[in-house]
Amino acid sequence: MLDLSGKNALVTGIANDRSIAWGIAKKLHQAGATLGVTFLPDDRDRNKGKVAALVEPLNPAFLLPCNVQDDTQIDDLVAGIQNHWPQVDILIHCLAFANKGDLSGNFTEISRAGFQLALDVSAYSLIHLCRAIKPLMTQGGSVITLTYIGGARVVPNYNVMGIAKAALEMNVRYLAADLGPANIRINGISAGPIRTLASAAIGDFHSMLHHYEEKSPLKRLVSQEEVGNVAAFLASDLASPITGQILYADCGFEVMAA
């Protein structure tokens, strides 16, 4: 039986009730984990208020700001965690961003700044968070990140984010080798398309949803809750021998030729 009782899980990337991170947080909570949640700070604390209201039913141990482009905020996050928990057992990395203009049009038109931004937020942040949280994973642990098939194949209008996801997936493999001696596992979930705040920036996203629904073996789209179930499994001791892997949770779309 999947049981995360006694586990402390840090969840990043919750923006609203459509966030995949929100689906994961709910499933971890249902399995018995104690949650700690981060939010992306803004000038008027709007994000903090929205996330706080959303996660209140999950009774998180803390709600802390974290902009992964700010090294000081990551240091402060670690200090804040130590004020509440003796250790971290689970890290959920659901962070990605690219300029909307770099998610459509000609791939050759991507700017240097846009490329660097997408790679920094969407890929390097996983390395930085693992480095920061590793000393707190004193009993080993599980790190889970989110990727997409656009990191392995060309997907129309995914553009620079496809490059970022390819980097993220290689990060998973190198980090698995690096973190393994500390009994820390790391895996990625390649979810099918889901309507989220981030996906709204992808050009012609509606057509992508229809294509998946039509072509996937299960003839449907994956749900936020299903991705949460996969994450809860990977976070649990049931997945103890699994690390460095990209698990597709896309209703089988990945195995199809088109």
Protein backbone atom coordinates (compact mmCIF):
# COMPACT_ATOMS: atom_id res chain seq x y z
CA MET A 1 0.00 0.00 0.00
CA LEU A 2 1.25 3.48 -0.87
CA ASP A 3 1.95 5.25 2.41
CA LEU A 4 3.85 8.51 2.82
CA SER A 5 3.10 8.97 6.50
CA GLY A 6 6.01 10.60 8.31
CA LYS A 7 7.45 12.00 5.06
CA ASN A 8 8.11 15.72 4.55
CA ALA A 9 7.45 16.88 0.99
CA LEU A 10 8.52 20.24 -0.43
CA VAL A 11 6.30 21.21 -3.37
CA THR A 12 7.26 23.98 -5.80
CA GLY A 13 5.34 25.39 -8.73
CA ILE A 14 1.76 25.71 -7.48
CA ALA A 15 0.18 28.72 -9.20
CA ASN A 16 -3.52 27.87 -9.17
CA ASP A 17 -5.91 24.91 -9.06
CA ARG A 18 -4.99 23.91 -12.62
CA SER A 19 -1.29 23.51 -11.81
CA ILE A 20 0.03 19.99 -12.11
CA ALA A 21 1.93 20.73 -8.90
CA TRP A 22 -1.44 21.20 -7.20
CA GLY A 23 -2.58 17.76 -8.35
CA ILE A 24 0.65 16.28 -7.01
CA ALA A 25 0.34 18.11 -3.68
CA LYS A 26 -3.17 16.75 -3.16
CA LYS A 27 -2.09 13.17 -3.80
CA LEU A 28 0.94 13.45 -1.51
CA HIS A 29 -1.33 14.81 1.21
CA GLN A 30 -3.83 11.98 0.69
CA ALA A 31 -1.00 9.49 1.08
CA GLY A 32 -0.06 10.99 4.45
CA ALA A 33 2.87 13.27 3.64
CA THR A 34 3.38 16.57 5.46
CA LEU A 35 3.66 19.37 2.92
CA GLY A 36 5.74 22.49 2.66
CA VAL A 37 4.89 24.80 -0.23
CA THR A 38 6.70 27.57 -2.09
CA PHE A 39 5.25 30.41 -4.13
CA LEU A 40 6.69 32.86 -6.64
CA PRO A 41 6.79 36.23 -4.88
CA ASP A 42 5.50 39.38 -6.54
CA ASP A 43 5.37 43.04 -5.54
CA ARG A 44 1.83 42.96 -4.14
CA ASP A 45 1.90 39.47 -2.60
CA ARG A 46 -0.93 38.38 -4.88
CA ASN A 47 0.68 35.04 -5.61
CA LYS A 48 1.18 34.38 -1.91
CA GLY A 49 -2.46 35.04 -1.18
CA LYS A 50 -3.73 32.86 -4.01
CA VAL A 51 -1.49 29.93 -3.15
CA ALA A 52 -2.15 30.25 0.59
CA ALA A 53 -5.92 30.09 0.07
CA LEU A 54 -5.62 27.14 -2.31
CA VAL A 55 -3.37 24.96 -0.14
CA GLU A 56 -5.03 25.76 3.19
CA PRO A 57 -7.08 22.49 3.17
CA LEU A 58 -3.82 20.55 2.91
CA ASN A 59 -2.55 22.16 6.13
CA PRO A 60 1.01 22.82 4.92
CA ALA A 61 3.71 23.22 7.53
CA PHE A 62 4.90 26.41 5.84
CA LEU A 63 4.46 28.65 2.80
CA LEU A 64 7.72 30.25 1.71
CA PRO A 65 8.75 32.48 -1.22
CA CYS A 66 11.13 31.12 -3.82
CA ASN A 67 12.21 32.72 -7.06
CA VAL A 68 14.76 30.24 -8.40
CA GLN A 69 16.55 33.02 -10.29
CA ASP A 70 17.50 34.57 -6.96
CA ASP A 71 20.23 32.67 -5.11
CA THR A 72 19.47 34.50 -1.87
CA GLN A 73 15.86 33.33 -1.93
CA ILE A 74 16.97 29.73 -2.30
CA ASP A 75 19.30 30.16 0.67
CA ASP A 76 16.45 31.70 2.66
CA LEU A 77 14.17 28.82 1.63
CA VAL A 78 16.60 26.29 3.09
CA ALA A 79 16.85 28.27 6.32
CA GLY A 80 13.07 28.49 6.49
CA ILE A 81 12.67 24.75 5.99
CA GLN A 82 15.13 24.07 8.80
CA ASN A 83 12.95 26.13 11.12
CA HIS A 84 10.10 23.66 10.60
CA TRP A 85 11.52 20.26 9.70
CA PRO A 86 14.51 18.15 10.75
CA GLN A 87 14.74 16.74 7.22
CA VAL A 88 13.23 16.75 3.72
CA ASP A 89 12.16 13.44 2.19
CA ILE A 90 10.51 14.51 -1.06
CA LEU A 91 11.21 17.40 -3.44
CA ILE A 92 8.71 18.20 -6.18
CA HIS A 93 10.13 20.42 -8.93
CA CYS A 94 7.36 21.84 -11.13
CA LEU A 95 9.08 24.95 -12.45
CA ALA A 96 9.30 26.11 -16.05
CA PHE A 97 9.09 29.40 -17.91
CA ALA A 98 9.77 30.86 -21.35
CA ASN A 99 8.79 34.09 -23.00
CA LYS A 100 5.54 33.63 -24.91
CA GLY A 101 7.18 34.93 -28.06
CA ASP A 102 9.71 32.10 -27.92
CA LEU A 103 6.94 29.47 -27.96
CA SER A 104 5.78 30.16 -31.50
CA GLY A 105 7.12 31.26 -34.85
CA ASN A 106 10.46 30.31 -36.36
CA PHE A 107 12.83 28.48 -34.05
CA THR A 108 15.76 30.42 -35.51
CA GLU A 109 14.27 33.66 -34.18
CA ILE A 110 14.72 32.74 -30.51
CA SER A 111 16.80 35.40 -28.79
CA ARG A 112 19.87 34.70 -26.71
CA ALA A 113 18.15 36.22 -23.68
CA GLY A 114 15.02 34.13 -24.22
CA PHE A 115 17.08 30.96 -24.57
CA GLN A 116 19.01 31.68 -21.39
CA LEU A 117 15.85 32.52 -19.45
CA ALA A 118 14.09 29.28 -20.43
CA LEU A 119 17.12 27.12 -19.58
CA ASP A 120 17.77 28.92 -16.30
CA VAL A 121 14.25 28.65 -14.89
CA SER A 122 13.22 25.34 -16.45
CA ALA A 123 16.41 23.27 -16.23
CA TYR A 124 19.17 24.82 -14.11
CA SER A 125 16.73 25.38 -11.24
CA LEU A 126 16.53 21.62 -10.72
CA ILE A 127 20.30 21.41 -10.21
CA HIS A 128 20.31 24.39 -7.86
CA LEU A 129 17.42 23.11 -5.75
CA CYS A 130 18.95 19.64 -5.51
CA ARG A 131 22.24 21.13 -4.35
CA ALA A 132 20.44 23.26 -1.76
CA ILE A 133 18.10 20.56 -0.46
CA LYS A 134 20.53 17.61 -0.55
CA PRO A 135 21.99 18.37 2.92
CA LEU A 136 18.44 18.25 4.32
CA MET A 137 17.75 14.81 2.81
CA THR A 138 19.62 13.12 5.63
CA GLN A 139 17.57 9.91 5.37
CA GLY A 140 17.70 9.73 1.58
CA GLY A 141 14.78 10.90 -0.48
CA SER A 142 12.96 11.25 -3.77
CA VAL A 143 13.13 14.15 -6.22
CA ILE A 144 10.50 14.41 -8.95
CA THR A 145 10.37 16.85 -11.85
CA LEU A 146 7.98 17.41 -14.74
CA THR A 147 8.92 17.19 -18.37
CA TYR A 148 7.16 16.79 -21.72
CA ILE A 149 7.64 14.83 -24.94
CA GLY A 150 8.69 18.09 -26.60
CA GLY A 151 12.08 17.53 -24.98
CA ALA A 152 12.55 14.35 -27.02
CA ARG A 153 10.66 15.13 -30.24
CA VAL A 154 9.78 18.22 -32.23
CA VAL A 155 6.39 19.57 -31.14
CA PRO A 156 4.93 22.55 -33.05
CA ASN A 157 5.05 25.80 -31.07
CA TYR A 158 7.02 24.27 -28.19
CA ASN A 159 10.29 25.68 -29.52
CA VAL A 160 12.71 26.84 -26.80
CA MET A 161 10.85 24.93 -24.09
CA GLY A 162 11.67 21.72 -25.94
CA ILE A 163 15.36 22.53 -25.55
CA ALA A 164 14.83 23.32 -21.88
CA LYS A 165 13.02 20.02 -21.30
CA ALA A 166 15.77 18.10 -23.10
CA ALA A 167 18.28 19.69 -20.74
CA LEU A 168 16.03 18.92 -17.78
CA GLU A 169 15.85 15.24 -18.74
CA MET A 170 19.63 14.97 -18.97
CA ASN A 171 19.83 16.72 -15.60
CA VAL A 172 17.71 13.90 -14.18
CA ARG A 173 20.21 11.30 -15.41
CA TYR A 174 23.34 13.10 -14.23
CA LEU A 175 21.74 13.99 -10.90
CA ALA A 176 20.71 10.36 -10.42
CA ALA A 177 24.38 9.36 -10.60
CA ASP A 178 25.41 12.24 -8.35
CA LEU A 179 22.72 11.84 -5.68
CA GLY A 180 22.48 8.05 -5.66
CA PRO A 181 25.26 7.43 -3.10
CA ALA A 182 23.22 9.52 -0.63
CA ASN A 183 20.21 7.26 -1.30
CA ILE A 184 18.42 10.09 -3.08
CA ARG A 185 16.43 9.08 -6.14
CA ILE A 186 15.39 11.45 -8.92
CA ASN A 187 12.94 10.85 -11.75
CA GLY A 188 10.94 12.84 -14.26
CA ILE A 189 7.30 12.49 -15.26
CA SER A 190 6.60 13.25 -18.90
CA ALA A 191 2.93 14.14 -18.73
CA GLY A 192 0.60 14.56 -21.65
CA PRO A 193 -0.80 18.05 -22.28
CA ILE A 194 -3.02 19.46 -19.53
CA ARG A 195 -4.74 22.85 -19.46
CA THR A 196 -2.59 24.92 -17.11
CA LEU A 197 -1.52 28.54 -16.80
CA ALA A 198 1.79 27.64 -18.45
CA SER A 199 0.24 25.73 -21.35
CA ALA A 200 -1.88 28.76 -22.23
CA ALA A 201 1.27 30.37 -23.62
CA ILE A 202 1.76 27.59 -26.20
CA GLY A 203 0.43 28.51 -29.62
CA ASP A 204 -2.59 26.52 -30.89
CA PHE A 205 -2.68 24.46 -27.68
CA HIS A 206 -6.26 23.39 -28.37
CA SER A 207 -5.12 21.52 -31.49
CA MET A 208 -2.43 19.77 -29.46
CA LEU A 209 -5.04 18.52 -27.00
CA HIS A 210 -7.25 17.22 -29.80
CA HIS A 211 -4.30 15.46 -31.46
CA TYR A 212 -3.35 13.66 -28.24
CA GLU A 213 -6.91 12.60 -27.57
CA GLU A 214 -7.25 11.23 -31.09
CA LYS A 215 -3.87 9.48 -31.38
CA SER A 216 -3.15 8.13 -27.89
CA PRO A 217 -3.90 4.42 -27.38
CA LEU A 218 -6.31 5.22 -24.54
CA LYS A 219 -8.09 7.82 -26.71
CA ARG A 220 -8.17 10.42 -23.96
CA LEU A 221 -6.07 12.99 -22.15
CA VAL A 222 -4.27 12.44 -18.89
CA SER A 223 -5.68 14.19 -15.83
CA GLN A 224 -3.99 16.29 -13.20
CA GLU A 225 -4.96 13.69 -10.60
CA GLU A 226 -3.38 10.85 -12.60
CA VAL A 227 -0.06 12.67 -12.79
CA GLY A 228 -0.36 13.20 -9.04
CA ASN A 229 -0.79 9.46 -8.55
CA VAL A 230 2.38 8.74 -10.54
CA ALA A 231 4.29 11.28 -8.48
CA ALA A 232 3.05 9.80 -5.21
CA PHE A 233 4.22 6.38 -6.39
CA LEU A 234 7.68 7.69 -7.30
CA ALA A 235 7.89 9.43 -3.94
CA SER A 236 7.09 6.24 -2.06
CA ASP A 237 9.19 3.27 -1.03
CA LEU A 238 7.30 1.24 -3.65
CA ALA A 239 9.56 2.94 -6.22
CA SER A 240 12.76 2.41 -4.22
CA PRO A 241 14.81 0.91 -7.11
CA ILE A 242 13.75 3.52 -9.68
CA THR A 243 16.02 6.47 -10.37
CA GLY A 244 17.25 8.45 -13.38
CA GLN A 245 14.12 7.61 -15.35
CA ILE A 246 11.60 9.54 -17.43
CA LEU A 247 8.17 7.97 -16.95
CA TYR A 248 5.57 8.81 -19.58
CA ALA A 249 2.12 9.52 -18.18
CA ASP A 250 0.42 10.45 -21.43
CA CYS A 251 -2.17 7.74 -22.08
CA GLY A 252 0.35 5.97 -24.32
CA PHE A 253 0.92 8.76 -26.83
CA GLU A 254 4.70 8.38 -26.65
CA VAL A 255 4.64 4.90 -28.23
CA MET A 256 2.77 6.04 -31.35
CA ALA A 257 4.54 6.98 -34.57
CA ALA A 258 2.55 10.19 -35.03
